[in-house]
C-alpha atoms as a PDB file:
ATOM      1  CA  MET A   1      49.529  74.744 -21.524  1.00  0.00           C
ATOM      2  CA  ILE A   2      53.205  75.431 -22.130  1.00  0.00           C
ATOM      3  CA  CYS A   3      52.596  75.132 -25.870  1.00  0.00           C
ATOM      4  CA  THR A   4      49.951  77.860 -25.606  1.00  0.00           C
ATOM      5  CA  ALA A   5      52.371  80.051 -23.656  1.00  0.00           C
ATOM      6  CA  TRP A   6      55.032  79.540 -26.343  1.00  0.00           C
ATOM      7  CA  ILE A   7      52.540  80.550 -29.043  1.00  0.00           C
ATOM      8  CA  LEU A   8      51.674  83.682 -27.047  1.00  0.00           C
ATOM      9  CA  VAL A   9      55.382  84.557 -26.896  1.00  0.00           C
ATOM     10  CA  ILE A  10      55.595  84.141 -30.669  1.00  0.00           C
ATOM     11  CA  LEU A  11      52.549  86.340 -31.175  1.00  0.00           C
ATOM     12  CA  SER A  12      53.944  89.035 -28.882  1.00  0.00           C
ATOM     13  CA  LEU A  13      57.114  89.108 -30.983  1.00  0.00           C
ATOM     14  CA  VAL A  14      55.159  89.191 -34.248  1.00  0.00           C
ATOM     15  CA  PHE A  15      53.374  92.362 -33.218  1.00  0.00           C
ATOM     16  CA  GLN A  16      56.521  94.072 -31.901  1.00  0.00           C
ATOM     17  CA  PRO A  17      57.642  96.907 -34.208  1.00  0.00           C
ATOM     18  CA  PHE A  18      60.879  96.338 -36.116  1.00  0.00           C
ATOM     19  CA  GLU A  19      62.434  99.386 -34.442  1.00  0.00           C
ATOM     20  CA  ASP A  20      62.098  97.638 -31.074  1.00  0.00           C
ATOM     21  CA  GLN A  21      63.818  94.531 -32.458  1.00  0.00           C
ATOM     22  CA  ASP A  22      66.651  96.358 -34.233  1.00  0.00           C
ATOM     23  CA  VAL A  23      69.951  95.345 -32.622  1.00  0.00           C
ATOM     24  CA  ARG A  24      72.186  97.167 -35.097  1.00  0.00           C
ATOM     25  CA  PRO A  25      72.760 100.231 -32.884  1.00  0.00           C
ATOM     26  CA  GLU A  26      73.836  97.944 -30.029  1.00  0.00           C
ATOM     27  CA  MET A  27      76.181  96.010 -32.330  1.00  0.00           C
ATOM     28  CA  GLU A  28      77.666  99.237 -33.671  1.00  0.00           C
ATOM     29  CA  ALA A  29      78.379 100.386 -30.115  1.00  0.00           C
ATOM     30  CA  ARG A  30      80.038  97.109 -29.107  1.00  0.00           C
ATOM     31  CA  ILE A  31      81.926  95.746 -32.113  1.00  0.00           C
ATOM     32  CA  SER A  32      83.874  97.426 -34.874  1.00  0.00           C
ATOM     33  CA  LYS A  33      82.826  97.039 -38.483  1.00  0.00           C
ATOM     34  CA  GLU A  34      86.175  95.469 -39.395  1.00  0.00           C
ATOM     35  CA  ARG A  35      86.021  92.889 -36.611  1.00  0.00           C
ATOM     36  CA  LEU A  36      82.446  91.956 -37.469  1.00  0.00           C
ATOM     37  CA  GLN A  37      83.382  91.536 -41.146  1.00  0.00           C
ATOM     38  CA  LYS A  38      86.128  89.097 -40.108  1.00  0.00           C
ATOM     39  CA  VAL A  39      83.751  86.740 -38.268  1.00  0.00           C
ATOM     40  CA  LEU A  40      80.839  86.803 -40.702  1.00  0.00           C
ATOM     41  CA  PRO A  41      80.737  84.205 -43.486  1.00  0.00           C
ATOM     42  CA  LYS A  42      81.896  85.626 -46.804  1.00  0.00           C
ATOM     43  CA  VAL A  43      78.623  84.782 -48.531  1.00  0.00           C
ATOM     44  CA  GLU A  44      76.280  86.954 -50.535  1.00  0.00           C
ATOM     45  CA  PHE A  45      72.766  86.003 -51.564  1.00  0.00           C
ATOM     46  CA  SER A  46      69.469  87.560 -52.491  1.00  0.00           C
ATOM     47  CA  PHE A  47      66.586  87.330 -50.044  1.00  0.00           C
ATOM     48  CA  ALA A  48      63.191  88.910 -50.703  1.00  0.00           C
ATOM     49  CA  GLY A  49      64.666  90.861 -53.601  1.00  0.00           C
ATOM     50  CA  ARG A  50      67.492  92.375 -51.558  1.00  0.00           C
ATOM     51  CA  LEU A  51      71.177  91.446 -51.564  1.00  0.00           C
ATOM     52  CA  GLN A  52      72.393  90.147 -48.207  1.00  0.00           C
ATOM     53  CA  THR A  53      76.125  90.740 -48.048  1.00  0.00           C
ATOM     54  CA  TYR A  54      78.930  90.622 -45.510  1.00  0.00           C
ATOM     55  CA  ARG A  55      80.029  93.975 -46.936  1.00  0.00           C
ATOM     56  CA  GLU A  56      77.209  95.534 -44.870  1.00  0.00           C
ATOM     57  CA  PRO A  57      78.164  93.708 -41.688  1.00  0.00           C
ATOM     58  CA  TYR A  58      75.640  95.157 -39.217  1.00  0.00           C
ATOM     59  CA  ARG A  59      72.655  94.597 -41.485  1.00  0.00           C
ATOM     60  CA  TYR A  60      73.957  91.149 -42.461  1.00  0.00           C
ATOM     61  CA  ALA A  61      74.552  90.110 -38.838  1.00  0.00           C
ATOM     62  CA  GLN A  62      71.076  91.293 -37.879  1.00  0.00           C
ATOM     63  CA  PHE A  63      69.593  89.298 -40.764  1.00  0.00           C
ATOM     64  CA  LEU A  64      71.434  86.148 -39.647  1.00  0.00           C
ATOM     65  CA  LEU A  65      70.404  86.678 -36.008  1.00  0.00           C
ATOM     66  CA  ARG A  66      66.756  87.190 -36.907  1.00  0.00           C
ATOM     67  CA  LYS A  67      66.629  84.119 -39.143  1.00  0.00           C
ATOM     68  CA  GLY A  68      68.416  82.075 -36.473  1.00  0.00           C
ATOM     69  CA  ALA A  69      65.869  83.276 -33.928  1.00  0.00           C
ATOM     70  CA  HIS A  70      63.050  82.158 -36.226  1.00  0.00           C
ATOM     71  CA  LEU A  71      64.637  78.726 -36.455  1.00  0.00           C
ATOM     72  CA  PHE A  72      65.011  78.491 -32.661  1.00  0.00           C
ATOM     73  CA  ILE A  73      61.503  79.729 -31.864  1.00  0.00           C
ATOM     74  CA  TYR A  74      59.730  77.454 -34.326  1.00  0.00           C
ATOM     75  CA  ALA A  75      61.941  74.465 -33.492  1.00  0.00           C
ATOM     76  CA  GLY A  76      61.022  75.050 -29.842  1.00  0.00           C
ATOM     77  CA  LEU A  77      57.342  75.080 -30.758  1.00  0.00           C
ATOM     78  CA  ALA A  78      57.732  71.857 -32.752  1.00  0.00           C
ATOM     79  CA  PHE A  79      59.502  70.236 -29.802  1.00  0.00           C
ATOM     80  CA  LEU A  80      56.707  71.266 -27.441  1.00  0.00           C
ATOM     81  CA  VAL A  81      54.014  70.002 -29.805  1.00  0.00           C
ATOM     82  CA  VAL A  82      55.707  66.626 -30.185  1.00  0.00           C
ATOM     83  CA  TYR A  83      56.809  66.054 -26.576  1.00  0.00           C
ATOM     84  CA  GLN A  84      54.090  67.739 -24.553  1.00  0.00           C
END
């Protein structure tokens, strides 16, 4: 049952428009660009044909948050499948 609920949460997030998930405006209001650049890893890489760089700190931080959220959500689902 809880596994089904977790899957429904995942599906609700999948169908949520990107604009509703965009946290960049909130980050821009709360943390300066310079401060954010100091805490982000100084790593650049290509993902899906686009350069991910700390030089664009708000976009980079959002990318890292979203990928971390994917890891958490799917790890949670795996945990529920194994231990339910």
